[in-house]
């Protein structure tokens, strides 16, 4: 995960791969995808992702209507995702990767 931390109006944010030069501009605009490493399957929807997470022992929480949340009983980890898949960003993908080592990977799209 690369980028620059910015501070604006009292809020600190990570701006991923800022387009600082023309040579980096095309790579910084590439979309990221979450890939299940053992099958090389791209997670194209929450239903596909949920099947993988449930198979890994994650349980769905239904407490917050605005989020999809998953918890694993054997850990303190909680995965929180926006309900709308179009708002599924690389920060959510990296969160899943960190909490499921060697199971998922975040990759640049080829197109």
N, C-alpha and C. Protein backbone atom coordinates (compact mmCIF):
# COMPACT_ATOMS: atom_id res chain seq x y z
N UNK A 1 0.85 -1.16 0.00
CA UNK A 1 0.00 0.00 0.00
C UNK A 1 0.90 1.22 0.00
N UNK A 2 0.78 2.06 -1.03
CA UNK A 2 1.61 3.25 -1.10
C UNK A 2 0.73 4.47 -1.24
N UNK A 3 1.31 5.60 -0.92
CA UNK A 3 0.56 6.83 -1.03
C UNK A 3 1.17 7.92 -0.18
N UNK A 4 0.43 8.99 -0.02
CA UNK A 4 0.88 10.15 0.74
C UNK A 4 -0.18 10.50 1.76
N UNK A 5 0.26 10.75 2.99
CA UNK A 5 -0.66 11.19 4.04
C UNK A 5 -0.87 12.69 3.87
N UNK A 6 -2.14 13.12 3.84
CA UNK A 6 -2.46 14.54 3.73
C UNK A 6 -3.26 14.98 4.95
N UNK A 7 -3.11 16.23 5.31
CA UNK A 7 -3.83 16.80 6.44
C UNK A 7 -4.63 17.98 5.91
N UNK A 8 -5.97 17.91 6.01
CA UNK A 8 -6.82 18.98 5.51
C UNK A 8 -8.04 19.11 6.41
N UNK A 9 -8.31 20.31 6.87
CA UNK A 9 -9.47 20.60 7.72
C UNK A 9 -9.51 19.71 8.96
N UNK A 10 -8.36 19.44 9.55
CA UNK A 10 -8.30 18.65 10.78
C UNK A 10 -8.42 17.15 10.57
N UNK A 11 -8.37 16.69 9.33
CA UNK A 11 -8.52 15.26 9.03
C UNK A 11 -7.27 14.76 8.30
N UNK A 12 -6.74 13.64 8.76
CA UNK A 12 -5.59 13.01 8.11
C UNK A 12 -6.11 11.88 7.23
N UNK A 13 -5.65 11.86 5.98
CA UNK A 13 -6.08 10.82 5.04
C UNK A 13 -4.90 10.31 4.25
N UNK A 14 -4.99 9.04 3.83
CA UNK A 14 -4.00 8.45 2.96
C UNK A 14 -4.50 8.56 1.53
N UNK A 15 -3.78 9.30 0.71
CA UNK A 15 -4.09 9.42 -0.70
C UNK A 15 -3.23 8.39 -1.41
N UNK A 16 -3.88 7.35 -1.94
CA UNK A 16 -3.14 6.24 -2.55
C UNK A 16 -2.58 6.64 -3.90
N UNK A 17 -1.30 6.33 -4.11
CA UNK A 17 -0.63 6.53 -5.39
C UNK A 17 -0.95 7.86 -6.04
N UNK A 18 -0.61 8.98 -5.38
CA UNK A 18 -0.93 10.27 -5.98
C UNK A 18 -0.21 10.43 -7.32
N UNK A 19 -0.86 11.03 -8.30
CA UNK A 19 -0.29 11.21 -9.63
C UNK A 19 0.65 12.41 -9.61
N UNK A 20 1.85 12.20 -9.14
CA UNK A 20 2.82 13.28 -9.03
C UNK A 20 3.57 13.52 -10.32
N UNK A 21 3.74 12.50 -11.14
CA UNK A 21 4.44 12.68 -12.41
C UNK A 21 3.68 11.94 -13.51
N UNK A 22 3.96 12.31 -14.74
CA UNK A 22 3.26 11.70 -15.88
C UNK A 22 3.55 10.22 -15.99
N UNK A 23 4.77 9.79 -15.64
CA UNK A 23 5.11 8.38 -15.76
C UNK A 23 4.34 7.52 -14.77
N UNK A 24 3.98 8.07 -13.63
CA UNK A 24 3.23 7.34 -12.62
C UNK A 24 1.72 7.46 -12.80
N UNK A 25 1.29 8.35 -13.67
CA UNK A 25 -0.13 8.65 -13.77
C UNK A 25 -0.94 7.45 -14.23
N UNK A 26 -0.48 6.71 -15.22
CA UNK A 26 -1.28 5.57 -15.70
C UNK A 26 -1.36 4.47 -14.66
N UNK A 27 -0.27 4.23 -13.91
CA UNK A 27 -0.31 3.18 -12.89
C UNK A 27 -1.11 3.62 -11.68
N UNK A 28 -1.15 4.93 -11.40
CA UNK A 28 -1.88 5.38 -10.22
C UNK A 28 -3.39 5.35 -10.45
N UNK A 29 -3.83 5.33 -11.70
CA UNK A 29 -5.25 5.31 -11.99
C UNK A 29 -5.79 3.91 -12.19
N UNK A 30 -4.94 2.91 -12.08
CA UNK A 30 -5.41 1.53 -12.24
C UNK A 30 -6.29 1.14 -11.07
N UNK A 31 -7.32 0.42 -11.41
CA UNK A 31 -8.20 -0.08 -10.35
C UNK A 31 -7.58 -1.31 -9.73
N UNK A 32 -7.91 -1.53 -8.49
CA UNK A 32 -7.43 -2.70 -7.76
C UNK A 32 -8.55 -3.73 -7.71
N UNK A 33 -8.15 -5.00 -7.64
CA UNK A 33 -9.12 -6.08 -7.47
C UNK A 33 -8.62 -6.99 -6.36
N UNK A 34 -9.56 -7.61 -5.67
CA UNK A 34 -9.26 -8.58 -4.63
C UNK A 34 -9.32 -9.97 -5.25
N UNK A 35 -8.25 -10.75 -5.08
CA UNK A 35 -8.14 -12.05 -5.71
C UNK A 35 -7.96 -13.12 -4.65
N UNK A 36 -8.72 -14.21 -4.78
CA UNK A 36 -8.55 -15.39 -3.92
C UNK A 36 -7.35 -16.13 -4.50
N UNK A 37 -6.25 -16.22 -3.76
CA UNK A 37 -4.98 -16.67 -4.32
C UNK A 37 -4.97 -18.12 -4.76
N UNK A 38 -5.60 -19.02 -4.04
CA UNK A 38 -5.52 -20.43 -4.42
C UNK A 38 -6.30 -20.76 -5.69
N UNK A 39 -7.33 -19.98 -5.99
CA UNK A 39 -8.13 -20.23 -7.20
C UNK A 39 -7.93 -19.17 -8.27
N UNK A 40 -7.21 -18.10 -7.95
CA UNK A 40 -7.03 -16.95 -8.85
C UNK A 40 -8.36 -16.32 -9.25
N UNK A 41 -9.36 -16.44 -8.38
CA UNK A 41 -10.69 -15.90 -8.65
C UNK A 41 -10.79 -14.47 -8.15
N UNK A 42 -11.24 -13.58 -9.03
CA UNK A 42 -11.44 -12.18 -8.66
C UNK A 42 -12.78 -12.06 -7.95
N UNK A 43 -12.78 -11.34 -6.84
CA UNK A 43 -14.01 -11.12 -6.08
C UNK A 43 -14.80 -10.02 -6.78
N UNK A 44 -15.79 -10.44 -7.58
CA UNK A 44 -16.56 -9.51 -8.40
C UNK A 44 -17.84 -9.03 -7.74
N UNK A 45 -18.19 -9.63 -6.61
CA UNK A 45 -19.41 -9.22 -5.89
C UNK A 45 -19.27 -9.66 -4.43
N UNK A 46 -20.16 -9.12 -3.61
CA UNK A 46 -20.14 -9.52 -2.20
C UNK A 46 -20.58 -10.96 -2.02
N UNK A 47 -21.43 -11.47 -2.88
CA UNK A 47 -21.85 -12.86 -2.72
C UNK A 47 -20.68 -13.81 -2.96
N UNK A 48 -19.84 -13.50 -3.92
CA UNK A 48 -18.64 -14.32 -4.17
C UNK A 48 -17.68 -14.22 -2.99
N UNK A 49 -17.46 -13.00 -2.52
CA UNK A 49 -16.56 -12.78 -1.38
C UNK A 49 -17.10 -13.45 -0.12
N UNK A 50 -18.41 -13.33 0.11
CA UNK A 50 -19.00 -13.91 1.32
C UNK A 50 -18.83 -15.44 1.36
N UNK A 51 -18.98 -16.10 0.23
CA UNK A 51 -18.78 -17.55 0.19
C UNK A 51 -17.36 -17.92 0.63
N UNK A 52 -16.37 -17.15 0.19
CA UNK A 52 -14.98 -17.41 0.57
C UNK A 52 -14.77 -17.15 2.06
N UNK A 53 -15.33 -16.04 2.56
CA UNK A 53 -15.15 -15.69 3.97
C UNK A 53 -15.84 -16.71 4.89
N UNK A 54 -17.04 -17.12 4.53
CA UNK A 54 -17.75 -18.11 5.35
C UNK A 54 -16.99 -19.43 5.38
N UNK A 55 -16.38 -19.82 4.28
CA UNK A 55 -15.60 -21.05 4.23
C UNK A 55 -14.35 -20.96 5.10
N UNK A 56 -13.88 -19.73 5.35
CA UNK A 56 -12.71 -19.52 6.20
C UNK A 56 -13.07 -19.36 7.68
N UNK A 57 -14.36 -19.48 8.01
CA UNK A 57 -14.78 -19.39 9.40
C UNK A 57 -15.29 -18.04 9.84
N UNK A 58 -15.43 -17.10 8.92
CA UNK A 58 -16.00 -15.79 9.25
C UNK A 58 -17.51 -15.92 9.37
N UNK A 59 -18.09 -15.17 10.30
CA UNK A 59 -19.54 -15.15 10.51
C UNK A 59 -20.07 -13.76 10.22
N UNK A 60 -21.24 -13.70 9.63
CA UNK A 60 -21.85 -12.42 9.28
C UNK A 60 -22.54 -11.81 10.49
N UNK A 61 -22.33 -10.51 10.70
CA UNK A 61 -23.05 -9.74 11.71
C UNK A 61 -24.14 -8.95 11.00
N UNK A 62 -25.28 -8.82 11.63
CA UNK A 62 -26.39 -8.08 11.03
C UNK A 62 -26.78 -6.85 11.86
N UNK A 63 -25.87 -6.34 12.67
CA UNK A 63 -26.18 -5.23 13.58
C UNK A 63 -26.35 -3.88 12.88
N UNK A 64 -25.55 -3.60 11.87
CA UNK A 64 -25.55 -2.29 11.23
C UNK A 64 -26.13 -2.41 9.81
N UNK A 65 -27.24 -1.73 9.53
CA UNK A 65 -27.86 -1.85 8.20
C UNK A 65 -27.04 -1.19 7.09
N UNK A 66 -26.08 -0.32 7.44
CA UNK A 66 -25.29 0.39 6.45
C UNK A 66 -24.00 -0.35 6.08
N UNK A 67 -23.67 -1.40 6.83
CA UNK A 67 -22.42 -2.12 6.61
C UNK A 67 -22.63 -3.62 6.51
N UNK A 68 -21.72 -4.27 5.81
CA UNK A 68 -21.61 -5.72 5.87
C UNK A 68 -20.46 -5.99 6.82
N UNK A 69 -20.71 -6.76 7.87
CA UNK A 69 -19.67 -7.02 8.85
C UNK A 69 -19.49 -8.51 9.07
N UNK A 70 -18.22 -8.89 9.22
CA UNK A 70 -17.88 -10.29 9.45
C UNK A 70 -16.92 -10.38 10.62
N UNK A 71 -17.12 -11.41 11.44
CA UNK A 71 -16.28 -11.63 12.62
C UNK A 71 -15.85 -13.09 12.64
N UNK A 72 -14.65 -13.32 13.12
CA UNK A 72 -14.14 -14.68 13.28
C UNK A 72 -14.03 -14.94 14.77
N UNK A 73 -14.71 -15.96 15.25
CA UNK A 73 -14.76 -16.24 16.69
C UNK A 73 -13.40 -16.42 17.34
N UNK A 74 -12.47 -17.00 16.62
CA UNK A 74 -11.15 -17.29 17.20
C UNK A 74 -10.24 -16.07 17.25
N UNK A 75 -10.71 -14.92 16.77
CA UNK A 75 -9.89 -13.70 16.75
C UNK A 75 -10.70 -12.51 17.25
N UNK A 76 -10.02 -11.38 17.34
CA UNK A 76 -10.71 -10.12 17.67
C UNK A 76 -11.01 -9.32 16.40
N UNK A 77 -10.71 -9.89 15.24
CA UNK A 77 -10.85 -9.18 13.98
C UNK A 77 -12.31 -8.99 13.58
N UNK A 78 -12.56 -7.85 12.97
CA UNK A 78 -13.87 -7.52 12.42
C UNK A 78 -13.63 -6.90 11.04
N UNK A 79 -14.30 -7.42 10.04
CA UNK A 79 -14.23 -6.85 8.69
C UNK A 79 -15.52 -6.06 8.47
N UNK A 80 -15.38 -4.78 8.18
CA UNK A 80 -16.54 -3.91 7.90
C UNK A 80 -16.44 -3.40 6.48
N UNK A 81 -17.48 -3.62 5.71
CA UNK A 81 -17.51 -3.24 4.30
C UNK A 81 -18.73 -2.38 4.02
N UNK A 82 -18.61 -1.44 3.07
CA UNK A 82 -19.80 -0.67 2.71
C UNK A 82 -20.83 -1.58 2.05
N UNK A 83 -22.09 -1.33 2.28
CA UNK A 83 -23.15 -2.19 1.76
C UNK A 83 -23.14 -2.23 0.22
N UNK A 84 -22.80 -1.12 -0.40
CA UNK A 84 -22.79 -1.01 -1.85
C UNK A 84 -21.42 -1.47 -2.38
N UNK A 85 -21.40 -2.50 -3.23
CA UNK A 85 -20.14 -3.05 -3.73
C UNK A 85 -19.35 -2.03 -4.56
N UNK A 86 -20.03 -1.07 -5.17
CA UNK A 86 -19.32 -0.05 -5.95
C UNK A 86 -18.45 0.85 -5.06
N UNK A 87 -18.70 0.84 -3.75
CA UNK A 87 -17.89 1.62 -2.80
C UNK A 87 -16.82 0.77 -2.12
N UNK A 88 -16.63 -0.45 -2.59
CA UNK A 88 -15.62 -1.38 -2.09
C UNK A 88 -14.26 -0.92 -2.64
N UNK A 89 -13.45 -0.32 -1.79
CA UNK A 89 -12.19 0.30 -2.20
C UNK A 89 -10.99 -0.55 -1.78
N UNK A 90 -9.82 -0.11 -2.24
CA UNK A 90 -8.60 -0.87 -1.94
C UNK A 90 -8.32 -0.95 -0.44
N UNK A 91 -8.72 0.06 0.33
CA UNK A 91 -8.48 -0.01 1.79
C UNK A 91 -9.27 -1.17 2.40
N UNK A 92 -10.46 -1.46 1.88
CA UNK A 92 -11.25 -2.60 2.36
C UNK A 92 -10.57 -3.91 1.93
N UNK A 93 -10.04 -3.91 0.70
CA UNK A 93 -9.36 -5.10 0.19
C UNK A 93 -8.13 -5.43 1.04
N UNK A 94 -7.33 -4.41 1.35
CA UNK A 94 -6.13 -4.63 2.15
C UNK A 94 -6.49 -5.08 3.56
N UNK A 95 -7.60 -4.61 4.10
CA UNK A 95 -8.06 -5.05 5.41
C UNK A 95 -8.35 -6.55 5.38
N UNK A 96 -8.98 -7.02 4.32
CA UNK A 96 -9.27 -8.45 4.18
C UNK A 96 -7.99 -9.25 4.02
N UNK A 97 -7.04 -8.72 3.25
CA UNK A 97 -5.76 -9.40 3.04
C UNK A 97 -5.01 -9.56 4.36
N UNK A 98 -4.95 -8.51 5.15
CA UNK A 98 -4.22 -8.55 6.42
C UNK A 98 -4.85 -9.55 7.39
N UNK A 99 -6.15 -9.64 7.39
CA UNK A 99 -6.85 -10.52 8.33
C UNK A 99 -6.99 -11.95 7.83
N UNK A 100 -6.54 -12.21 6.61
CA UNK A 100 -6.59 -13.55 6.01
C UNK A 100 -5.28 -13.80 5.26
N UNK A 101 -4.20 -13.91 6.00
CA UNK A 101 -2.88 -14.04 5.40
C UNK A 101 -2.80 -15.23 4.44
N UNK A 102 -2.18 -14.97 3.29
CA UNK A 102 -1.95 -15.98 2.25
C UNK A 102 -3.22 -16.53 1.60
N UNK A 103 -4.35 -15.88 1.82
CA UNK A 103 -5.61 -16.34 1.23
C UNK A 103 -6.06 -15.40 0.11
N UNK A 104 -5.88 -14.10 0.31
CA UNK A 104 -6.27 -13.09 -0.66
C UNK A 104 -5.09 -12.24 -1.04
N UNK A 105 -5.21 -11.58 -2.19
CA UNK A 105 -4.18 -10.67 -2.68
C UNK A 105 -4.87 -9.50 -3.38
N UNK A 106 -4.27 -8.32 -3.32
CA UNK A 106 -4.79 -7.17 -4.05
C UNK A 106 -3.89 -6.96 -5.25
N UNK A 107 -4.50 -6.87 -6.42
CA UNK A 107 -3.75 -6.72 -7.66
C UNK A 107 -4.30 -5.58 -8.50
N UNK A 108 -3.45 -5.03 -9.36
CA UNK A 108 -3.90 -4.04 -10.34
C UNK A 108 -4.67 -4.76 -11.43
N UNK A 109 -5.69 -4.10 -11.96
CA UNK A 109 -6.41 -4.69 -13.09
C UNK A 109 -5.53 -4.58 -14.31
N UNK A 110 -5.70 -5.49 -15.24
CA UNK A 110 -4.89 -5.49 -16.45
C UNK A 110 -5.47 -4.62 -17.54
N UNK A 111 -6.77 -4.34 -17.45
CA UNK A 111 -7.40 -3.53 -18.51
C UNK A 111 -7.47 -2.09 -18.12
